[in-house]
Amino acid sequence: MPPKRQIGGTAVGRPAQRGGYARQVIGELTNPENRSVVTSVAFFAAGVAFLHSSWSEIFLPPL
């Protein structure tokens, strides 16, 4: 008896994924529903990077 054919699924019965983990992450980051969170995290990261760099010395008062 020949093995049964699987159409569009995996052995466990889950539907086949259309891409990997990176494609899912990019899809969620570019989702308009998440735009405010992604923008907030980006501005926070840019602020931390700026304050950690030597450019943050412009905020020091002159001696």
N, C-alpha and C. Protein backbone atom coordinates (compact mmCIF):
# COMPACT_ATOMS: atom_id res chain seq x y z
N MET A 1 0.85 -1.17 0.00
CA MET A 1 0.00 0.00 0.00
C MET A 1 0.90 1.24 0.00
N PRO A 2 0.73 2.15 -0.95
CA PRO A 2 1.58 3.34 -1.02
C PRO A 2 1.25 4.32 0.10
N PRO A 3 2.23 5.12 0.51
CA PRO A 3 1.97 6.08 1.58
C PRO A 3 0.98 7.16 1.12
N LYS A 4 0.24 7.69 2.09
CA LYS A 4 -0.73 8.73 1.76
C LYS A 4 -0.02 10.03 1.44
N ARG A 5 -0.59 10.77 0.55
CA ARG A 5 0.00 12.04 0.13
C ARG A 5 -0.43 13.16 1.05
N GLN A 6 0.50 14.03 1.37
CA GLN A 6 0.17 15.22 2.15
C GLN A 6 0.03 16.40 1.21
N ILE A 7 -1.02 17.14 1.40
CA ILE A 7 -1.24 18.30 0.54
C ILE A 7 -1.28 19.54 1.43
N GLY A 8 -0.25 20.37 1.33
CA GLY A 8 -0.24 21.65 2.02
C GLY A 8 -0.14 21.58 3.52
N GLY A 9 0.44 20.58 4.09
CA GLY A 9 0.55 20.50 5.54
C GLY A 9 1.81 19.78 5.95
N THR A 10 1.98 19.67 7.25
CA THR A 10 3.13 18.95 7.79
C THR A 10 2.64 17.62 8.36
N ALA A 11 3.54 16.84 8.88
CA ALA A 11 3.19 15.53 9.38
C ALA A 11 2.30 15.62 10.62
N VAL A 12 2.37 16.71 11.35
CA VAL A 12 1.60 16.85 12.58
C VAL A 12 0.19 17.34 12.29
N GLY A 13 -0.05 17.85 11.12
CA GLY A 13 -1.36 18.33 10.77
C GLY A 13 -1.47 19.84 10.77
N ARG A 14 -0.38 20.53 11.07
CA ARG A 14 -0.39 21.99 11.03
C ARG A 14 -0.26 22.46 9.59
N PRO A 15 -0.78 23.63 9.29
CA PRO A 15 -0.62 24.14 7.92
C PRO A 15 0.84 24.50 7.65
N ALA A 16 1.23 24.38 6.42
CA ALA A 16 2.61 24.69 6.04
C ALA A 16 2.87 26.19 6.20
N GLN A 17 4.05 26.52 6.72
CA GLN A 17 4.40 27.93 6.90
C GLN A 17 4.86 28.51 5.57
N ARG A 18 4.50 29.76 5.35
CA ARG A 18 4.90 30.45 4.12
C ARG A 18 6.05 31.38 4.43
N GLY A 19 7.17 30.87 4.82
CA GLY A 19 8.33 31.68 5.13
C GLY A 19 8.86 31.31 6.50
N GLY A 20 9.98 31.89 6.81
CA GLY A 20 10.61 31.56 8.06
C GLY A 20 10.33 32.57 9.15
N TYR A 21 11.12 32.46 10.20
CA TYR A 21 10.97 33.31 11.37
C TYR A 21 11.24 34.77 11.02
N ALA A 22 12.26 35.02 10.22
CA ALA A 22 12.61 36.40 9.86
C ALA A 22 11.46 37.06 9.08
N ARG A 23 10.82 36.32 8.20
CA ARG A 23 9.71 36.89 7.44
C ARG A 23 8.54 37.24 8.34
N GLN A 24 8.29 36.44 9.37
CA GLN A 24 7.23 36.74 10.32
C GLN A 24 7.56 38.00 11.12
N VAL A 25 8.81 38.12 11.56
CA VAL A 25 9.22 39.30 12.34
C VAL A 25 9.10 40.56 11.50
N ILE A 26 9.57 40.52 10.27
CA ILE A 26 9.48 41.68 9.39
C ILE A 26 8.02 42.02 9.12
N GLY A 27 7.21 41.03 8.95
CA GLY A 27 5.78 41.26 8.73
C GLY A 27 5.13 41.95 9.92
N GLU A 28 5.50 41.55 11.14
CA GLU A 28 4.93 42.19 12.32
C GLU A 28 5.48 43.60 12.53
N LEU A 29 6.74 43.82 12.18
CA LEU A 29 7.31 45.16 12.34
C LEU A 29 6.73 46.15 11.35
N THR A 30 6.38 45.68 10.18
CA THR A 30 5.83 46.58 9.16
C THR A 30 4.31 46.66 9.21
N ASN A 31 3.69 45.96 10.13
CA ASN A 31 2.25 45.99 10.28
C ASN A 31 1.83 47.37 10.77
N PRO A 32 0.88 48.03 10.11
CA PRO A 32 0.46 49.38 10.55
C PRO A 32 -0.09 49.41 11.97
N GLU A 33 -0.58 48.29 12.46
CA GLU A 33 -1.11 48.23 13.82
C GLU A 33 -0.01 48.42 14.86
N ASN A 34 1.22 48.05 14.52
CA ASN A 34 2.34 48.13 15.46
C ASN A 34 3.22 49.35 15.22
N ARG A 35 2.81 50.27 14.37
CA ARG A 35 3.66 51.39 13.98
C ARG A 35 4.07 52.26 15.17
N SER A 36 3.16 52.56 16.09
CA SER A 36 3.49 53.43 17.21
C SER A 36 4.51 52.78 18.15
N VAL A 37 4.38 51.50 18.37
CA VAL A 37 5.33 50.81 19.25
C VAL A 37 6.71 50.75 18.60
N VAL A 38 6.76 50.42 17.32
CA VAL A 38 8.04 50.33 16.62
C VAL A 38 8.71 51.70 16.58
N THR A 39 7.94 52.77 16.35
CA THR A 39 8.51 54.12 16.33
C THR A 39 9.04 54.50 17.70
N SER A 40 8.31 54.20 18.76
CA SER A 40 8.75 54.51 20.12
C SER A 40 10.04 53.79 20.47
N VAL A 41 10.12 52.52 20.14
CA VAL A 41 11.33 51.75 20.43
C VAL A 41 12.51 52.28 19.63
N ALA A 42 12.28 52.68 18.38
CA ALA A 42 13.36 53.21 17.55
C ALA A 42 13.89 54.53 18.12
N PHE A 43 12.98 55.44 18.52
CA PHE A 43 13.43 56.70 19.10
C PHE A 43 14.14 56.49 20.44
N PHE A 44 13.67 55.56 21.26
CA PHE A 44 14.34 55.26 22.51
C PHE A 44 15.74 54.72 22.26
N ALA A 45 15.88 53.81 21.31
CA ALA A 45 17.19 53.24 20.99
C ALA A 45 18.13 54.32 20.45
N ALA A 46 17.61 55.22 19.62
CA ALA A 46 18.45 56.30 19.10
C ALA A 46 18.88 57.24 20.23
N GLY A 47 18.00 57.53 21.16
CA GLY A 47 18.36 58.37 22.30
C GLY A 47 19.41 57.74 23.19
N VAL A 48 19.27 56.46 23.45
CA VAL A 48 20.27 55.76 24.28
C VAL A 48 21.61 55.74 23.56
N ALA A 49 21.60 55.48 22.27
CA ALA A 49 22.86 55.45 21.51
C ALA A 49 23.51 56.84 21.50
N PHE A 50 22.70 57.90 21.38
CA PHE A 50 23.25 59.25 21.39
C PHE A 50 23.85 59.58 22.75
N LEU A 51 23.13 59.28 23.82
CA LEU A 51 23.63 59.60 25.16
C LEU A 51 24.84 58.76 25.55
N HIS A 52 24.99 57.62 24.95
CA HIS A 52 26.14 56.76 25.24
C HIS A 52 27.36 57.16 24.42
N SER A 53 27.17 57.97 23.39
CA SER A 53 28.28 58.35 22.53
C SER A 53 28.98 59.60 23.07
N SER A 54 30.05 59.99 22.42
CA SER A 54 30.78 61.18 22.84
C SER A 54 30.01 62.46 22.50
N TRP A 55 29.01 62.39 21.64
CA TRP A 55 28.20 63.55 21.30
C TRP A 55 27.36 64.03 22.48
N SER A 56 27.17 63.21 23.49
CA SER A 56 26.36 63.62 24.64
C SER A 56 27.06 64.69 25.47
N GLU A 57 28.34 64.96 25.20
CA GLU A 57 29.07 65.98 25.95
C GLU A 57 28.57 67.39 25.64
N ILE A 58 27.78 67.55 24.58
CA ILE A 58 27.25 68.89 24.28
C ILE A 58 26.23 69.32 25.33
N PHE A 59 25.71 68.39 26.12
CA PHE A 59 24.76 68.72 27.17
C PHE A 59 25.46 69.18 28.45
N LEU A 60 26.76 68.98 28.57
CA LEU A 60 27.49 69.39 29.78
C LEU A 60 27.65 70.90 29.78
N PRO A 61 27.52 71.53 30.96
CA PRO A 61 27.72 72.98 31.01
C PRO A 61 29.19 73.32 30.83
N PRO A 62 29.48 74.51 30.28
CA PRO A 62 30.88 74.87 30.09
C PRO A 62 31.56 75.11 31.44
N LEU A 63 32.84 74.81 31.50
CA LEU A 63 33.58 74.99 32.76
C LEU A 63 34.27 76.34 32.81
